[in-house]
Amino acid sequence: MRQMYKVFINNHPLFIAKTDAEIAMKPGTLLLRYDPASLDELLDLAHEHKNFFTRIFLLDENPENVFEQFTAKCKIIEAAGGRVKNAKGELLMIFRNDKWDLPKGKLEKKETPEVAAVREVEEECGIGKLKILKSLAPTFHTYKHNEKIVLKKTYWYEMSCGDEKKLTPQKEEGITDVKWMGEKEVEDALQNTFHSIIDVIRGS
């Protein structure tokens, strides 16, 4: 049984954790005992008021059960993407909607996450010769669409790229720039990205 789940709402993390979880208290943290009767109200507040919290710890003895109840209230969308590096060890990043991001996109019908991840990197960046090295932890984030909460689960894969041709951003997807970045450039880019992307880049 998993001890903790992490879901981003308005770029802030909601942790679903066991009641004995070690918690580093910080300003803006909400520490709540799970109450099924108030879950809808909590989710509405978190989505409607972007500065409602810095992070929330929702505590219960059975985080897996709480996560299942949470997801039951959402429309589920699956996506996949890559943490891609070239032979120089540079990281592939895209610029979309005024933020730096990693290449990713929704799964097509009957498509596996692995196939989708490679396809999305190829389409969004205009490259090939990709090889999946390992799977990474998935990320979860939510948003509201037509008054319905959407939960997007993104599968991530560590990839290598042997393609040295010029990168080409997929402009029809709102991507205006694609770059191979060294460590310093990546650290600068992390100042203007999503917290979930920081988790993927810095994760093992």
C-alpha atoms as a PDB file:
ATOM      1  CA  MET A   1       0.000   0.000   0.000  1.00  0.00           C
ATOM      2  CA  ARG A   2       1.343   3.423  -0.935  1.00  0.00           C
ATOM      3  CA  GLN A   3       2.024   5.774   1.960  1.00  0.00           C
ATOM      4  CA  MET A   4       1.515   9.015   0.038  1.00  0.00           C
ATOM      5  CA  TYR A   5      -0.008  10.458  -3.129  1.00  0.00           C
ATOM      6  CA  LYS A   6       0.761  13.884  -4.568  1.00  0.00           C
ATOM      7  CA  VAL A   7      -1.659  15.811  -6.781  1.00  0.00           C
ATOM      8  CA  PHE A   8      -1.056  19.348  -8.057  1.00  0.00           C
ATOM      9  CA  ILE A   9      -3.984  21.781  -7.953  1.00  0.00           C
ATOM     10  CA  ASN A  10      -3.311  25.260  -9.351  1.00  0.00           C
ATOM     11  CA  ASN A  11       0.404  24.376  -9.287  1.00  0.00           C
ATOM     12  CA  HIS A  12       0.238  23.665  -5.527  1.00  0.00           C
ATOM     13  CA  PRO A  13       0.599  20.151  -4.084  1.00  0.00           C
ATOM     14  CA  LEU A  14      -2.096  18.234  -2.252  1.00  0.00           C
ATOM     15  CA  PHE A  15      -0.598  15.296  -0.354  1.00  0.00           C
ATOM     16  CA  ILE A  16      -2.791  12.345   0.606  1.00  0.00           C
ATOM     17  CA  ALA A  17      -0.821  10.662   3.376  1.00  0.00           C
ATOM     18  CA  LYS A  18      -1.012   8.413   6.407  1.00  0.00           C
ATOM     19  CA  THR A  19      -1.784  10.069   9.719  1.00  0.00           C
ATOM     20  CA  ASP A  20       1.680   9.178  11.014  1.00  0.00           C
ATOM     21  CA  ALA A  21       3.458  10.843   8.080  1.00  0.00           C
ATOM     22  CA  GLU A  22       6.356  13.117   8.990  1.00  0.00           C
ATOM     23  CA  ILE A  23       5.261  16.622   8.043  1.00  0.00           C
ATOM     24  CA  ALA A  24       7.523  19.632   7.642  1.00  0.00           C
ATOM     25  CA  MET A  25       5.238  22.494   8.566  1.00  0.00           C
ATOM     26  CA  LYS A  26       5.621  25.595   6.456  1.00  0.00           C
ATOM     27  CA  PRO A  27       3.608  28.823   6.156  1.00  0.00           C
ATOM     28  CA  GLY A  28       0.558  28.293   3.976  1.00  0.00           C
ATOM     29  CA  THR A  29       0.247  24.566   4.749  1.00  0.00           C
ATOM     30  CA  LEU A  30      -3.192  23.181   5.551  1.00  0.00           C
ATOM     31  CA  LEU A  31      -3.171  20.048   7.700  1.00  0.00           C
ATOM     32  CA  LEU A  32      -6.525  18.277   7.493  1.00  0.00           C
ATOM     33  CA  ARG A  33      -8.006  14.971   8.596  1.00  0.00           C
ATOM     34  CA  TYR A  34      -9.821  13.319   5.715  1.00  0.00           C
ATOM     35  CA  ASP A  35     -13.591  13.752   5.849  1.00  0.00           C
ATOM     36  CA  PRO A  36     -15.578  12.262   2.915  1.00  0.00           C
ATOM     37  CA  ALA A  37     -18.438  14.686   3.531  1.00  0.00           C
ATOM     38  CA  SER A  38     -16.241  17.743   2.955  1.00  0.00           C
ATOM     39  CA  LEU A  39     -14.084  16.503   0.054  1.00  0.00           C
ATOM     40  CA  ASP A  40     -16.196  18.208  -2.630  1.00  0.00           C
ATOM     41  CA  GLU A  41     -16.072  21.529  -0.790  1.00  0.00           C
ATOM     42  CA  LEU A  42     -12.304  21.244  -0.329  1.00  0.00           C
ATOM     43  CA  LEU A  43     -11.737  20.539  -4.020  1.00  0.00           C
ATOM     44  CA  ASP A  44     -13.976  23.423  -5.070  1.00  0.00           C
ATOM     45  CA  LEU A  45     -12.116  25.844  -2.803  1.00  0.00           C
ATOM     46  CA  ALA A  46      -8.730  24.637  -4.028  1.00  0.00           C
ATOM     47  CA  HIS A  47      -9.690  25.062  -7.690  1.00  0.00           C
ATOM     48  CA  GLU A  48     -11.559  28.367  -7.412  1.00  0.00           C
ATOM     49  CA  HIS A  49      -9.080  30.204  -5.181  1.00  0.00           C
ATOM     50  CA  LYS A  50      -5.525  29.876  -6.477  1.00  0.00           C
ATOM     51  CA  ASN A  51      -3.977  31.280  -3.295  1.00  0.00           C
ATOM     52  CA  PHE A  52      -6.193  29.254  -0.960  1.00  0.00           C
ATOM     53  CA  PHE A  53      -3.171  27.205   0.132  1.00  0.00           C
ATOM     54  CA  THR A  54       0.508  26.640  -0.475  1.00  0.00           C
ATOM     55  CA  ARG A  55       0.088  22.942   0.105  1.00  0.00           C
ATOM     56  CA  ILE A  56      -2.411  20.622   1.761  1.00  0.00           C
ATOM     57  CA  PHE A  57      -1.797  17.443   3.743  1.00  0.00           C
ATOM     58  CA  LEU A  58      -4.958  15.343   3.722  1.00  0.00           C
ATOM     59  CA  LEU A  59      -4.379  12.684   6.381  1.00  0.00           C
ATOM     60  CA  ASP A  60      -5.927   9.252   6.719  1.00  0.00           C
ATOM     61  CA  GLU A  61      -4.849   5.753   7.767  1.00  0.00           C
ATOM     62  CA  ASN A  62      -5.623   4.505   4.248  1.00  0.00           C
ATOM     63  CA  PRO A  63      -4.237   6.949   1.639  1.00  0.00           C
ATOM     64  CA  GLU A  64      -4.943   4.514  -1.191  1.00  0.00           C
ATOM     65  CA  ASN A  65      -8.650   4.474  -0.373  1.00  0.00           C
ATOM     66  CA  VAL A  66      -8.781   8.269  -0.133  1.00  0.00           C
ATOM     67  CA  PHE A  67      -7.004   8.609  -3.485  1.00  0.00           C
ATOM     68  CA  GLU A  68      -9.546   6.272  -5.073  1.00  0.00           C
ATOM     69  CA  GLN A  69     -12.402   8.402  -3.705  1.00  0.00           C
ATOM     70  CA  PHE A  70     -10.633  11.525  -4.936  1.00  0.00           C
ATOM     71  CA  THR A  71     -10.197  10.144  -8.466  1.00  0.00           C
ATOM     72  CA  ALA A  72     -13.821   8.951  -8.543  1.00  0.00           C
ATOM     73  CA  LYS A  73     -14.862  12.604  -8.502  1.00  0.00           C
ATOM     74  CA  CYS A  74     -12.725  13.433 -11.551  1.00  0.00           C
ATOM     75  CA  LYS A  75     -12.653  12.841 -15.265  1.00  0.00           C
ATOM     76  CA  ILE A  76      -9.410  10.953 -15.917  1.00  0.00           C
ATOM     77  CA  ILE A  77      -7.105  11.880 -18.799  1.00  0.00           C
ATOM     78  CA  GLU A  78      -3.840  10.043 -19.444  1.00  0.00           C
ATOM     79  CA  ALA A  79      -0.763  11.591 -21.012  1.00  0.00           C
ATOM     80  CA  ALA A  80       2.879  10.642 -21.469  1.00  0.00           C
ATOM     81  CA  GLY A  81       6.155  12.449 -21.969  1.00  0.00           C
ATOM     82  CA  GLY A  82       9.902  12.271 -21.764  1.00  0.00           C
ATOM     83  CA  ARG A  83      12.877  13.488 -19.781  1.00  0.00           C
ATOM     84  CA  VAL A  84      15.186  13.365 -22.779  1.00  0.00           C
ATOM     85  CA  LYS A  85      18.956  13.854 -22.878  1.00  0.00           C
ATOM     86  CA  ASN A  86      21.410  13.878 -25.771  1.00  0.00           C
ATOM     87  CA  ALA A  87      24.951  12.532 -25.949  1.00  0.00           C
ATOM     88  CA  LYS A  88      26.239  15.708 -24.260  1.00  0.00           C
ATOM     89  CA  GLY A  89      23.936  15.197 -21.277  1.00  0.00           C
ATOM     90  CA  GLU A  90      21.798  18.191 -22.212  1.00  0.00           C
ATOM     91  CA  LEU A  91      18.088  18.165 -21.348  1.00  0.00           C
ATOM     92  CA  LEU A  92      15.384  18.696 -23.970  1.00  0.00           C
ATOM     93  CA  MET A  93      12.863  21.392 -23.007  1.00  0.00           C
ATOM     94  CA  ILE A  94      10.020  23.146 -24.801  1.00  0.00           C
ATOM     95  CA  PHE A  95       8.509  26.607 -24.304  1.00  0.00           C
ATOM     96  CA  ARG A  96       4.715  26.600 -24.360  1.00  0.00           C
ATOM     97  CA  ASN A  97       2.124  29.006 -22.938  1.00  0.00           C
ATOM     98  CA  ASP A  98       4.850  31.263 -21.526  1.00  0.00           C
ATOM     99  CA  LYS A  99       6.463  28.477 -19.481  1.00  0.00           C
ATOM    100  CA  TRP A 100       9.283  25.996 -19.935  1.00  0.00           C
ATOM    101  CA  ASP A 101       8.047  22.431 -20.011  1.00  0.00           C
ATOM    102  CA  LEU A 102       8.967  18.890 -20.987  1.00  0.00           C
ATOM    103  CA  PRO A 103       7.527  17.369 -24.170  1.00  0.00           C
ATOM    104  CA  LYS A 104       4.354  15.430 -23.406  1.00  0.00           C
ATOM    105  CA  GLY A 105       0.820  14.879 -24.649  1.00  0.00           C
ATOM    106  CA  LYS A 106      -2.366  12.826 -24.379  1.00  0.00           C
ATOM    107  CA  LEU A 107      -2.516   9.135 -25.188  1.00  0.00           C
ATOM    108  CA  GLU A 108      -4.348   8.268 -28.375  1.00  0.00           C
ATOM    109  CA  LYS A 109      -6.939   5.486 -28.481  1.00  0.00           C
ATOM    110  CA  LYS A 110      -5.422   2.049 -27.715  1.00  0.00           C
ATOM    111  CA  GLU A 111      -1.948   3.628 -27.427  1.00  0.00           C
ATOM    112  CA  THR A 112       0.430   2.518 -24.687  1.00  0.00           C
ATOM    113  CA  PRO A 113       2.129   5.188 -22.539  1.00  0.00           C
ATOM    114  CA  GLU A 114       5.556   4.188 -23.881  1.00  0.00           C
ATOM    115  CA  VAL A 115       4.474   4.605 -27.513  1.00  0.00           C
ATOM    116  CA  ALA A 116       2.694   7.880 -26.714  1.00  0.00           C
ATOM    117  CA  ALA A 117       5.734   9.317 -24.923  1.00  0.00           C
ATOM    118  CA  VAL A 118       8.044   8.672 -27.875  1.00  0.00           C
ATOM    119  CA  ARG A 119       5.476   9.947 -30.385  1.00  0.00           C
ATOM    120  CA  GLU A 120       4.878  13.166 -28.444  1.00  0.00           C
ATOM    121  CA  VAL A 121       8.598  13.945 -28.164  1.00  0.00           C
ATOM    122  CA  GLU A 122       9.048  13.291 -31.878  1.00  0.00           C
ATOM    123  CA  GLU A 123       6.057  15.450 -32.864  1.00  0.00           C
ATOM    124  CA  GLU A 124       6.641  18.345 -30.469  1.00  0.00           C
ATOM    125  CA  CYS A 125      10.377  18.647 -31.050  1.00  0.00           C
ATOM    126  CA  GLY A 126      10.871  17.368 -34.608  1.00  0.00           C
ATOM    127  CA  ILE A 127      13.428  14.689 -33.712  1.00  0.00           C
ATOM    128  CA  GLY A 128      13.855  10.916 -33.813  1.00  0.00           C
ATOM    129  CA  LYS A 129      16.312   8.216 -32.687  1.00  0.00           C
ATOM    130  CA  LEU A 130      14.762   8.073 -29.238  1.00  0.00           C
ATOM    131  CA  LYS A 131      15.317   5.219 -26.808  1.00  0.00           C
ATOM    132  CA  ILE A 132      13.437   4.664 -23.561  1.00  0.00           C
ATOM    133  CA  LEU A 133      15.902   3.900 -20.751  1.00  0.00           C
ATOM    134  CA  LYS A 134      13.520   3.572 -17.800  1.00  0.00           C
ATOM    135  CA  SER A 135      10.156   4.647 -16.482  1.00  0.00           C
ATOM    136  CA  LEU A 136       9.866   7.511 -13.989  1.00  0.00           C
ATOM    137  CA  ALA A 137       7.247   8.272 -11.364  1.00  0.00           C
ATOM    138  CA  PRO A 138       3.983   9.557 -12.876  1.00  0.00           C
ATOM    139  CA  THR A 139       2.664  13.002 -12.005  1.00  0.00           C
ATOM    140  CA  PHE A 140      -0.912  14.046 -11.284  1.00  0.00           C
ATOM    141  CA  HIS A 141      -2.487  17.463 -11.700  1.00  0.00           C
ATOM    142  CA  THR A 142      -6.041  18.731 -11.888  1.00  0.00           C
ATOM    143  CA  TYR A 143      -7.946  21.527 -13.562  1.00  0.00           C
ATOM    144  CA  LYS A 144     -11.565  22.451 -14.099  1.00  0.00           C
ATOM    145  CA  HIS A 145     -13.280  22.124 -17.479  1.00  0.00           C
ATOM    146  CA  ASN A 146     -16.987  22.815 -17.909  1.00  0.00           C
ATOM    147  CA  GLU A 147     -17.396  22.697 -14.115  1.00  0.00           C
ATOM    148  CA  LYS A 148     -15.933  19.178 -14.050  1.00  0.00           C
ATOM    149  CA  ILE A 149     -12.649  18.428 -12.313  1.00  0.00           C
ATOM    150  CA  VAL A 150     -10.186  16.779 -14.689  1.00  0.00           C
ATOM    151  CA  LEU A 151      -7.350  14.687 -13.272  1.00  0.00           C
ATOM    152  CA  LYS A 152      -4.460  14.265 -15.682  1.00  0.00           C
ATOM    153  CA  LYS A 153      -2.074  11.391 -15.028  1.00  0.00           C
ATOM    154  CA  THR A 154       1.167  11.782 -16.941  1.00  0.00           C
ATOM    155  CA  TYR A 155       3.507   8.839 -17.421  1.00  0.00           C
ATOM    156  CA  TRP A 156       7.162   9.838 -17.691  1.00  0.00           C
ATOM    157  CA  TYR A 157      10.147   8.086 -19.249  1.00  0.00           C
ATOM    158  CA  GLU A 158      13.868   8.690 -19.186  1.00  0.00           C
ATOM    159  CA  MET A 159      15.042   8.738 -22.811  1.00  0.00           C
ATOM    160  CA  SER A 160      18.229   9.121 -24.777  1.00  0.00           C
ATOM    161  CA  CYS A 161      18.333  10.819 -28.160  1.00  0.00           C
ATOM    162  CA  GLY A 162      20.838  10.122 -30.909  1.00  0.00           C
ATOM    163  CA  ASP A 163      19.367  12.617 -33.364  1.00  0.00           C
ATOM    164  CA  GLU A 164      21.592  15.634 -34.004  1.00  0.00           C
ATOM    165  CA  LYS A 165      19.377  17.449 -36.485  1.00  0.00           C
ATOM    166  CA  LYS A 166      17.925  20.894 -35.824  1.00  0.00           C
ATOM    167  CA  LEU A 167      15.012  20.978 -33.382  1.00  0.00           C
ATOM    168  CA  THR A 168      11.648  22.065 -34.763  1.00  0.00           C
ATOM    169  CA  PRO A 169       8.899  23.257 -32.384  1.00  0.00           C
ATOM    170  CA  GLN A 170       5.362  22.040 -33.109  1.00  0.00           C
ATOM    171  CA  LYS A 171       3.834  25.496 -33.408  1.00  0.00           C
ATOM    172  CA  GLU A 172       0.275  24.237 -33.928  1.00  0.00           C
ATOM    173  CA  GLU A 173       0.493  22.939 -30.341  1.00  0.00           C
ATOM    174  CA  GLY A 174       1.495  26.353 -29.026  1.00  0.00           C
ATOM    175  CA  ILE A 175       5.192  25.484 -28.744  1.00  0.00           C
ATOM    176  CA  THR A 176       7.347  28.470 -29.669  1.00  0.00           C
ATOM    177  CA  ASP A 177      10.815  27.172 -28.757  1.00  0.00           C
ATOM    178  CA  VAL A 178      12.661  23.882 -28.253  1.00  0.00           C
ATOM    179  CA  LYS A 179      16.141  23.735 -26.745  1.00  0.00           C
ATOM    180  CA  TRP A 180      18.827  21.395 -25.523  1.00  0.00           C
ATOM    181  CA  MET A 181      19.859  22.845 -22.153  1.00  0.00           C
ATOM    182  CA  GLY A 182      22.913  22.434 -19.972  1.00  0.00           C
ATOM    183  CA  GLU A 183      22.694  22.438 -16.166  1.00  0.00           C
ATOM    184  CA  LYS A 184      22.795  26.232 -15.777  1.00  0.00           C
ATOM    185  CA  GLU A 185      20.117  26.781 -18.426  1.00  0.00           C
ATOM    186  CA  VAL A 186      17.913  24.131 -16.835  1.00  0.00           C
ATOM    187  CA  GLU A 187      18.188  25.769 -13.406  1.00  0.00           C
ATOM    188  CA  ASP A 188      17.191  29.097 -14.959  1.00  0.00           C
ATOM    189  CA  ALA A 189      14.270  27.465 -16.781  1.00  0.00           C
ATOM    190  CA  LEU A 190      13.029  25.913 -13.522  1.00  0.00           C
ATOM    191  CA  GLN A 191      12.287  29.424 -12.295  1.00  0.00           C
ATOM    192  CA  ASN A 192       9.520  29.542 -14.909  1.00  0.00           C
ATOM    193  CA  THR A 193       7.910  26.125 -15.017  1.00  0.00           C
ATOM    194  CA  PHE A 194       5.379  23.962 -13.172  1.00  0.00           C
ATOM    195  CA  HIS A 195       6.179  22.325  -9.841  1.00  0.00           C
ATOM    196  CA  SER A 196       5.275  18.931 -11.277  1.00  0.00           C
ATOM    197  CA  ILE A 197       7.916  19.414 -13.992  1.00  0.00           C
ATOM    198  CA  ILE A 198      10.502  20.269 -11.336  1.00  0.00           C
ATOM    199  CA  ASP A 199       9.664  16.942  -9.674  1.00  0.00           C
ATOM    200  CA  VAL A 200      10.252  15.068 -12.942  1.00  0.00           C
ATOM    201  CA  ILE A 201      13.524  16.825 -13.754  1.00  0.00           C
ATOM    202  CA  ARG A 202      14.988  16.494 -10.262  1.00  0.00           C
ATOM    203  CA  GLY A 203      13.563  13.056  -9.542  1.00  0.00           C
ATOM    204  CA  SER A 204      15.548   9.833  -9.838  1.00  0.00           C
END
